[in-house]
Protein backbone atom coordinates (compact mmCIF):
# COMPACT_ATOMS: atom_id res chain seq x y z
CA MET A 1 -10.48 9.60 -35.48
CA HIS A 2 -9.21 12.73 -33.28
CA THR A 3 -5.57 14.19 -33.35
CA TYR A 4 -3.48 14.91 -30.26
CA ASN A 5 -0.24 16.30 -30.08
CA LEU A 6 1.65 15.79 -26.93
CA THR A 7 4.72 17.82 -25.79
CA TYR A 8 7.04 16.16 -23.31
CA LEU A 9 10.31 15.44 -21.61
CA PHE A 10 11.59 12.06 -21.91
CA LYS A 11 15.04 11.68 -19.73
CA GLY A 12 15.00 15.38 -19.48
CA GLU A 13 15.14 15.89 -23.43
CA PRO A 14 11.72 17.92 -25.00
CA ARG A 15 10.21 15.37 -27.17
CA ASP A 16 6.56 15.59 -29.10
CA HIS A 17 4.44 13.07 -30.82
CA ARG A 18 1.17 12.80 -32.38
CA PHE A 19 -1.71 10.34 -31.54
CA GLU A 20 -4.73 9.43 -33.61
CA LEU A 21 -7.27 8.01 -31.24
CA LYS A 22 -11.14 7.12 -31.66
CA GLN A 23 -11.89 8.67 -27.97
CA PRO A 24 -13.07 12.33 -28.08
CA GLY A 25 -10.78 13.44 -25.18
CA LEU A 26 -7.49 12.65 -23.97
CA SER A 27 -6.32 13.64 -20.35
CA PRO A 28 -2.58 13.91 -19.12
CA HIS A 29 -2.68 10.47 -17.46
CA GLU A 30 -4.31 8.98 -20.41
CA ALA A 31 -1.55 10.72 -22.62
CA ALA A 32 1.23 9.48 -19.85
CA LEU A 33 -0.02 5.96 -20.18
CA HIS A 34 0.14 6.07 -24.36
CA LEU A 35 3.89 7.62 -23.79
CA ILE A 36 4.81 4.88 -21.64
CA LEU A 37 3.56 2.26 -24.09
CA LEU A 38 5.45 4.06 -26.69
CA HIS A 39 8.65 4.09 -25.05
CA TYR A 40 8.44 0.85 -23.08
CA GLY A 41 5.59 -1.16 -24.57
CA ASP A 42 7.45 -4.21 -25.70
CA GLY A 43 7.22 -7.74 -24.23
CA GLU A 44 10.52 -7.23 -22.27
CA ASN A 45 9.48 -4.33 -20.40
CA SER A 46 5.82 -5.13 -19.11
CA LEU A 47 6.88 -4.88 -15.45
CA VAL A 48 7.06 -1.28 -15.98
CA MET A 49 3.55 -0.93 -16.99
CA PRO A 50 0.95 0.47 -14.46
CA ALA A 51 -1.58 -1.99 -13.01
CA ALA A 52 -4.88 -2.02 -15.00
CA ASP A 53 -6.81 -0.66 -12.26
CA ALA A 54 -3.97 2.36 -11.45
CA SER A 55 -5.26 5.78 -10.69
CA PRO A 56 -4.55 8.85 -12.84
CA THR A 57 -2.11 9.62 -10.06
CA GLU A 58 -0.52 6.30 -9.73
CA ILE A 59 -0.03 6.50 -13.95
CA LEU A 60 1.48 9.98 -13.58
CA GLN A 61 3.88 8.79 -11.06
CA GLN A 62 4.96 5.88 -12.79
CA ALA A 63 5.39 8.10 -15.93
CA ARG A 64 7.82 10.26 -13.78
CA SER A 65 9.70 7.18 -12.70
CA LEU A 66 10.24 6.40 -16.14
CA GLU A 67 11.57 10.08 -16.70
CA ILE A 68 8.49 10.98 -18.68
CA THR A 69 7.34 14.38 -17.70
CA ARG A 70 5.90 17.64 -18.26
CA VAL A 71 3.20 15.98 -20.30
CA GLU A 72 1.13 18.49 -22.27
CA VAL A 73 -2.03 17.41 -24.47
CA HIS A 74 -2.79 19.54 -27.62
CA PRO A 75 -5.83 19.00 -29.50
CA GLY A 76 -4.80 18.38 -33.11
CA GLU A 77 -6.78 19.54 -36.18
């Protein structure tokens, strides 16, 4: 497992979250997708999720529209 520490703004407020994932790298758009799932992933909000074939740019745009911004990925130890 790989640990990733994310820092970001959610609705203008600084936040951080730690993910442990199997994948050996985490790009900003992948991190944004994990944060969308974290904040909006319940069944009632499935319409806010990006399409399965969304490009990295589209995922980041969707995150911005949901007020998830300034996503930074910091590899953990």
